[in-house]
Every structure is written in structure tokens, then in C-alpha cells.
Amino acid sequence: MENELEMIQTLFEYQNFGLAPFPIMPFSKEIHKGNKGKIFFDNAQSGIQMSEEEIYDWFGEKKLDNCGLICGEEGNLSVLEFESDTVIIRLMSLIEKESLDKISNLIFYNFLENLYSSTTFIRTPDKKIQFWFKFSKNLPSFLWNYNKSIKNLEGINIYSSGYIVAPPSFIRKNNIIGQYEIEDGKPPVFFPNEITFFKKILSE
């Protein structure tokens, strides 16, 4: 009952943030292939939120279901993910070497320095750290594992399309169960327009 209530309350918060949640298969990252779960996913992709009654009915009955959030313009969400705190420190060092005399670098450096307290802060089951923002074109989608030639983005993923699995979901991997956890549940903020680092590096 406690897990069920936590999920329902968290989904209400996501909807209040203007996000588009939907149900995902239990202990999984997979969407429902049929039934009403697929309809909720299709609706979310169009920016249509579940009603309070639908959330109560679905997650009250499907007590083990995970939840996902649509990324991109329709879901009003961009996610900046780092494999560890070390990746953020390395990125700050890179900017510092380039020179903090440049205003854009100074803004980016200060942004990273205050990242943990500025917006939604999430830990994934594999201990990656996520920071959520309202959808931003300055955060184009990127997956490090598929683009390892871009060394300055080592250990960084950006989700501005598709969907993510969201807290308080559980994932089972190799018979080990881990949970997505909210470290700071404040609403996603706007990503600074002045920070074009990711957009520039991914358009080269």
C-alpha cells in the first residue's frame, strides 16, 4: 500500500510540473504493448496527461507498475545525465582550462557548480545522476555509449526525445532490484539560454 501511494502521489507531482507520465511494465523499462497502458503512452507522446481518476484506477490496480516520462517538446522535459559526480568535476576542469574570462564559460562553470541544488535531481539504480529541465533545444539528445568519439562528452547522456523511467520505479537487472530515487524534488527549471556548449559540440 505504501509503494502504491508513493507512486500515485509522485505522478500527481509530475503532472503539476507540466510533465507527461505514463505506466511502464513492472521492474522494467518497457512500455505496455497492448491494452490501456499503450493508450496512455500514445496520449503522453501527444502531451495528453492521465486524469487523476485514471492514475488512481491504473496504479491502484497495477501496484507494481513503473512510470515513465515523455522527453522532448511534447513532454516538456530534457534530462542531463552524468555517469558519476566525477564526470561533472571533469567537465568543470575542462571549462576552467578553456578560460573563465569568457562570459559563456563562466556562466556554464557557475551553472555546473550549483547544479545539485538548482533543479530536479535524481539517482538511477545504476548510480547515474540526472538533472531535469524544461525542454530545451540547447540540450540535443545524445548517448555517450553510441558516440564515444566525442571525448568532451564522455560519461554524459542527454534525453530530449523518447522517454525515461522515473522515480519511484524499480528495475530488476541480473536478479538485483534497484530503484530510481528523487534526491531533490523541486520542479524542473529552464536550462539557461546562454549555455550552448552541448548544442555547439553536437553540431560540429
Foldseek 3Di string as FASTA:
>chain_A
DVLLVVQLVVLVLLVVLLFAKAWDAFQDPHFDPDDCSVVSVVCRQQLHHDDSVRSCVPCVVVVRIFMKIFAAQSRQKKKKKFLAVVLLVVLLVVLVVVPCVDVLSVVVNVCSVCVVPPAWWKAAQSGMIMGMAGQDPLQDFDDCVVPVVLPNQPRIGMDRGDMDTAPQGWHADPNDIGGMDTPDPHRHYHDDPSHNPSVVSVVD
